[in-house]
Protein backbone atom coordinates (compact mmCIF):
# COMPACT_ATOMS: atom_id res chain seq x y z
CA MET A 1 5.38 1.71 6.56
CA VAL A 2 5.28 4.34 3.71
CA PRO A 3 3.05 7.49 4.51
CA VAL A 4 -0.07 7.77 2.46
CA SER A 5 -0.66 11.21 0.84
CA THR A 6 -4.02 12.72 1.58
CA SER A 7 -3.81 15.68 -0.76
CA VAL A 8 -2.39 16.98 -3.97
CA SER A 9 -0.13 19.92 -3.13
CA ARG A 10 -0.35 21.62 -6.53
CA GLN A 11 -3.33 22.81 -8.61
CA ARG A 12 -4.25 20.61 -11.65
CA SER A 13 -3.83 22.34 -14.96
CA GLU A 14 -6.35 19.90 -16.68
CA ARG A 15 -9.74 18.54 -15.58
CA ARG A 16 -9.74 14.80 -15.06
CA ILE A 17 -12.49 12.82 -16.85
CA ALA A 18 -14.15 9.84 -15.09
CA VAL A 19 -13.57 6.99 -17.56
CA HIS A 20 -12.74 3.36 -17.00
CA LEU A 21 -10.12 2.14 -19.51
CA PRO A 22 -8.10 -1.08 -19.07
CA MET A 23 -4.54 -0.41 -18.05
CA ARG A 24 -1.43 -2.51 -17.48
CA VAL A 25 0.86 -0.96 -14.78
CA ARG A 26 4.39 -2.21 -14.12
CA GLY A 27 6.88 -0.98 -11.50
CA CYS A 28 8.36 -1.66 -8.11
CA ASP A 29 6.43 -1.75 -4.84
CA THR A 30 7.60 -0.17 -1.60
CA ARG A 31 9.68 -3.28 -0.78
CA GLY A 32 11.50 -3.15 -4.20
CA ILE A 33 9.65 -6.09 -5.64
CA THR A 34 8.74 -5.73 -9.36
CA PHE A 35 5.09 -6.20 -10.14
CA GLU A 36 2.80 -6.02 -13.23
CA GLU A 37 -0.91 -5.65 -12.79
CA ASP A 38 -4.02 -5.42 -15.13
CA THR A 39 -6.33 -2.80 -13.73
CA SER A 40 -8.35 0.11 -15.01
CA SER A 41 -8.39 3.86 -14.90
CA GLU A 42 -10.73 5.69 -12.52
CA ASN A 43 -10.11 8.96 -14.29
CA LEU A 44 -7.61 10.40 -16.68
CA CYS A 45 -6.53 13.55 -18.55
CA ARG A 46 -3.81 14.25 -21.05
CA SER A 47 -1.08 14.54 -18.45
CA GLY A 48 -2.15 11.88 -15.87
CA ALA A 49 -4.37 9.21 -14.55
CA ALA A 50 -5.72 7.59 -11.38
CA PHE A 51 -6.20 3.88 -10.89
CA LEU A 52 -6.71 1.18 -8.26
CA THR A 53 -4.00 -1.20 -7.28
CA ARG A 54 -3.46 -3.98 -4.73
CA PHE A 55 0.16 -3.14 -4.58
CA ASP A 56 1.87 -0.65 -2.21
CA VAL A 57 3.58 2.04 -4.25
CA ALA A 58 5.50 5.06 -3.00
CA VAL A 59 4.87 8.66 -3.85
CA GLY A 60 7.68 9.58 -6.25
CA SER A 61 8.11 6.22 -7.70
CA ASN A 62 8.07 5.63 -11.50
CA LEU A 63 5.73 3.27 -13.25
CA GLU A 64 5.29 1.98 -16.81
CA ILE A 65 1.74 2.39 -18.03
CA ARG A 66 0.00 0.94 -21.06
CA ILE A 67 -3.55 1.37 -22.20
CA PRO A 68 -4.49 -1.00 -25.00
CA PHE A 69 -6.68 0.32 -27.78
CA SER A 70 -7.17 -3.07 -29.44
CA ASN A 71 -10.22 -3.76 -27.24
CA TYR A 72 -12.08 -0.86 -28.77
CA ALA A 73 -13.73 -0.51 -32.25
CA CYS A 74 -11.77 2.12 -33.97
CA ARG A 75 -12.03 3.48 -37.38
CA ARG A 76 -8.39 3.00 -37.96
CA ALA A 77 -5.73 0.70 -36.35
CA GLU A 78 -4.28 2.36 -33.40
CA ALA A 79 -1.25 1.43 -31.38
CA ASP A 80 -1.65 1.11 -27.66
CA PHE A 81 -0.81 4.14 -25.55
CA ALA A 82 2.43 3.62 -23.65
CA THR A 83 4.11 6.05 -21.24
CA TYR A 84 5.82 6.44 -17.96
CA GLY A 85 4.33 8.04 -14.88
CA ARG A 86 5.51 9.39 -11.51
CA VAL A 87 3.19 8.59 -8.53
CA ILE A 88 2.01 11.94 -7.04
CA HIS A 89 -0.59 10.54 -4.52
CA VAL A 90 -1.71 7.30 -2.94
CA ARG A 91 -4.86 6.98 -0.96
CA ASP A 92 -6.79 4.20 0.62
CA ALA A 93 -9.64 3.01 -1.69
CA ALA A 94 -13.17 2.20 -0.73
CA SER A 95 -12.45 -1.53 -1.36
CA VAL A 96 -10.31 -3.26 1.32
CA GLY A 97 -6.76 -3.97 0.27
CA GLU A 98 -6.72 -1.47 -2.65
CA LYS A 99 -5.06 1.87 -3.05
CA LEU A 100 -6.13 4.73 -5.40
CA VAL A 101 -2.89 5.87 -7.07
CA GLY A 102 -2.65 9.16 -9.00
CA VAL A 103 0.28 9.46 -11.55
CA GLN A 104 1.58 12.30 -13.70
CA PHE A 105 2.73 11.17 -17.01
CA THR A 106 6.50 11.76 -17.48
CA GLY A 107 6.54 10.24 -20.95
CA PRO A 108 4.13 10.81 -23.89
CA ARG A 109 0.84 12.47 -23.01
CA PHE A 110 -2.55 10.97 -23.63
CA GLN A 111 -4.03 12.29 -26.84
CA ARG A 112 -7.43 10.52 -27.00
CA VAL A 113 -10.66 12.40 -26.10
CA PHE A 114 -13.40 10.71 -24.07
CA ARG A 115 -16.69 11.82 -22.59
CA SER A 116 -17.05 11.30 -18.92
CA GLU A 117 -18.88 8.14 -18.06
CA SER A 118 -20.94 10.15 -15.57
CA ALA A 119 -22.27 12.37 -18.35
CA ALA A 120 -25.79 11.46 -19.45
């Protein structure tokens, strides 16, 4: 069994924004089995994101992350955001069978700006 991190050991340099965007995550679980999952972000910033997954992933593992922009009405055609991320924390989620995973982007950083969904 892989230990579940309960805290982030370093101070975040950017504030995460609560926004739900569709994401496709690909990687290997703790047993070494490759997976691909459609999920959504719980929050994000330019250098990382958190999302729910039903797969067991280990802290330190690397994931491929894609956020499609084709689902949003944009003034100009925009390519999907694609990057890599390193898992920095894994926590049990409120929903049974899911984990909340936090990743730090190790590839391109997220350049879009969003208002928090919790803002009125």
